[in-house]
Amino acid sequence: MKSIMVTDQTYEKLASIKSGKSFTELLSELVDSLKKTRTRDILKFAGIIDEKEAEELYASVARTRRNFGART
């Protein structure tokens, strides 16, 4: 078990939506929901460019990284 600190304002926001759930349950549900939303948002972009465009983009990024001394 861990303790976390939140501002009074954040506590009030969480308390207003917990509807009889524990804060642990509420936070777990919020995190799960956020993960699903992020995955869904990322998947929107799947397949929007073809393989040739992807290779060109990858090469461009690699060139830019080399030019700035970043990892490739």
C-alpha atoms as a PDB file:
ATOM      1  CA  MET A   1       0.000   0.000   0.000  1.00  0.00           C
ATOM      2  CA  LYS A   2       1.224   3.492  -0.882  1.00  0.00           C
ATOM      3  CA  SER A   3       0.060   6.936   0.138  1.00  0.00           C
ATOM      4  CA  ILE A   4      -0.208   9.805  -2.313  1.00  0.00           C
ATOM      5  CA  MET A   5      -0.853  13.486  -1.764  1.00  0.00           C
ATOM      6  CA  VAL A   6      -3.211  15.568  -3.853  1.00  0.00           C
ATOM      7  CA  THR A   7      -4.310  19.166  -3.567  1.00  0.00           C
ATOM      8  CA  ASP A   8      -7.589  19.933  -1.870  1.00  0.00           C
ATOM      9  CA  GLN A   9      -9.023  20.910  -5.252  1.00  0.00           C
ATOM     10  CA  THR A  10      -8.054  17.547  -6.788  1.00  0.00           C
ATOM     11  CA  TYR A  11      -9.417  15.680  -3.777  1.00  0.00           C
ATOM     12  CA  GLU A  12     -12.764  17.454  -4.142  1.00  0.00           C
ATOM     13  CA  LYS A  13     -12.904  16.628  -7.856  1.00  0.00           C
ATOM     14  CA  LEU A  14     -12.194  12.960  -7.178  1.00  0.00           C
ATOM     15  CA  ALA A  15     -14.643  12.825  -4.278  1.00  0.00           C
ATOM     16  CA  SER A  16     -17.376  14.307  -6.471  1.00  0.00           C
ATOM     17  CA  ILE A  17     -17.137  11.449  -8.999  1.00  0.00           C
ATOM     18  CA  LYS A  18     -16.348   8.440  -6.833  1.00  0.00           C
ATOM     19  CA  SER A  19     -20.006   7.414  -6.302  1.00  0.00           C
ATOM     20  CA  GLY A  20     -19.486   5.037  -3.394  1.00  0.00           C
ATOM     21  CA  LYS A  21     -16.250   3.569  -4.771  1.00  0.00           C
ATOM     22  CA  SER A  22     -13.001   3.679  -2.890  1.00  0.00           C
ATOM     23  CA  PHE A  23     -10.402   6.129  -4.115  1.00  0.00           C
ATOM     24  CA  THR A  24      -8.287   3.126  -5.124  1.00  0.00           C
ATOM     25  CA  GLU A  25     -11.079   1.769  -7.315  1.00  0.00           C
ATOM     26  CA  LEU A  26     -11.766   5.191  -8.790  1.00  0.00           C
ATOM     27  CA  LEU A  27      -8.132   5.895  -9.625  1.00  0.00           C
ATOM     28  CA  SER A  28      -7.691   2.425 -11.106  1.00  0.00           C
ATOM     29  CA  GLU A  29     -10.733   2.938 -13.352  1.00  0.00           C
ATOM     30  CA  LEU A  30      -9.502   6.379 -14.429  1.00  0.00           C
ATOM     31  CA  VAL A  31      -6.050   5.019 -15.324  1.00  0.00           C
ATOM     32  CA  ASP A  32      -7.540   2.087 -17.265  1.00  0.00           C
ATOM     33  CA  SER A  33      -9.831   4.459 -19.135  1.00  0.00           C
ATOM     34  CA  LEU A  34      -6.921   6.759 -19.992  1.00  0.00           C
ATOM     35  CA  LYS A  35      -4.861   3.834 -21.310  1.00  0.00           C
ATOM     36  CA  LYS A  36      -7.733   2.722 -23.553  1.00  0.00           C
ATOM     37  CA  THR A  37      -8.230   6.271 -24.826  1.00  0.00           C
ATOM     38  CA  ARG A  38      -4.533   6.666 -25.647  1.00  0.00           C
ATOM     39  CA  THR A  39      -4.444   3.326 -27.466  1.00  0.00           C
ATOM     40  CA  ARG A  40      -7.562   4.230 -29.442  1.00  0.00           C
ATOM     41  CA  ASP A  41      -6.082   7.634 -30.315  1.00  0.00           C
ATOM     42  CA  ILE A  42      -2.838   6.066 -31.537  1.00  0.00           C
ATOM     43  CA  LEU A  43      -4.667   3.422 -33.571  1.00  0.00           C
ATOM     44  CA  LYS A  44      -6.471   6.190 -35.504  1.00  0.00           C
ATOM     45  CA  PHE A  45      -3.209   6.728 -37.344  1.00  0.00           C
ATOM     46  CA  ALA A  46      -2.539   3.085 -38.224  1.00  0.00           C
ATOM     47  CA  GLY A  47      -2.310   2.672 -41.976  1.00  0.00           C
ATOM     48  CA  ILE A  48      -2.543   6.343 -42.955  1.00  0.00           C
ATOM     49  CA  ILE A  49       0.719   6.166 -44.884  1.00  0.00           C
ATOM     50  CA  ASP A  50       1.907   3.415 -47.164  1.00  0.00           C
ATOM     51  CA  GLU A  51       5.140   1.470 -46.762  1.00  0.00           C
ATOM     52  CA  LYS A  52       7.111   3.681 -49.177  1.00  0.00           C
ATOM     53  CA  GLU A  53       6.069   6.850 -47.317  1.00  0.00           C
ATOM     54  CA  ALA A  54       6.977   5.184 -44.010  1.00  0.00           C
ATOM     55  CA  GLU A  55      10.454   4.296 -45.296  1.00  0.00           C
ATOM     56  CA  GLU A  56      10.974   7.862 -46.553  1.00  0.00           C
ATOM     57  CA  LEU A  57       9.879   9.267 -43.208  1.00  0.00           C
ATOM     58  CA  TYR A  58      12.156   6.886 -41.328  1.00  0.00           C
ATOM     59  CA  ALA A  59      15.124   7.877 -43.549  1.00  0.00           C
ATOM     60  CA  SER A  60      14.356  11.560 -43.036  1.00  0.00           C
ATOM     61  CA  VAL A  61      14.244  11.158 -39.264  1.00  0.00           C
ATOM     62  CA  ALA A  62      17.507   9.181 -39.319  1.00  0.00           C
ATOM     63  CA  ARG A  63      19.202  11.939 -41.383  1.00  0.00           C
ATOM     64  CA  THR A  64      17.948  14.617 -39.016  1.00  0.00           C
ATOM     65  CA  ARG A  65      19.189  12.688 -35.990  1.00  0.00           C
ATOM     66  CA  ARG A  66      22.616  12.187 -37.589  1.00  0.00           C
ATOM     67  CA  ASN A  67      22.812  15.898 -38.387  1.00  0.00           C
ATOM     68  CA  PHE A  68      22.113  16.759 -34.760  1.00  0.00           C
ATOM     69  CA  GLY A  69      24.252  13.981 -33.313  1.00  0.00           C
ATOM     70  CA  ALA A  70      21.294  12.157 -31.820  1.00  0.00           C
ATOM     71  CA  ARG A  71      20.978   8.391 -31.627  1.00  0.00           C
ATOM     72  CA  THR A  72      19.764   6.612 -34.767  1.00  0.00           C
END
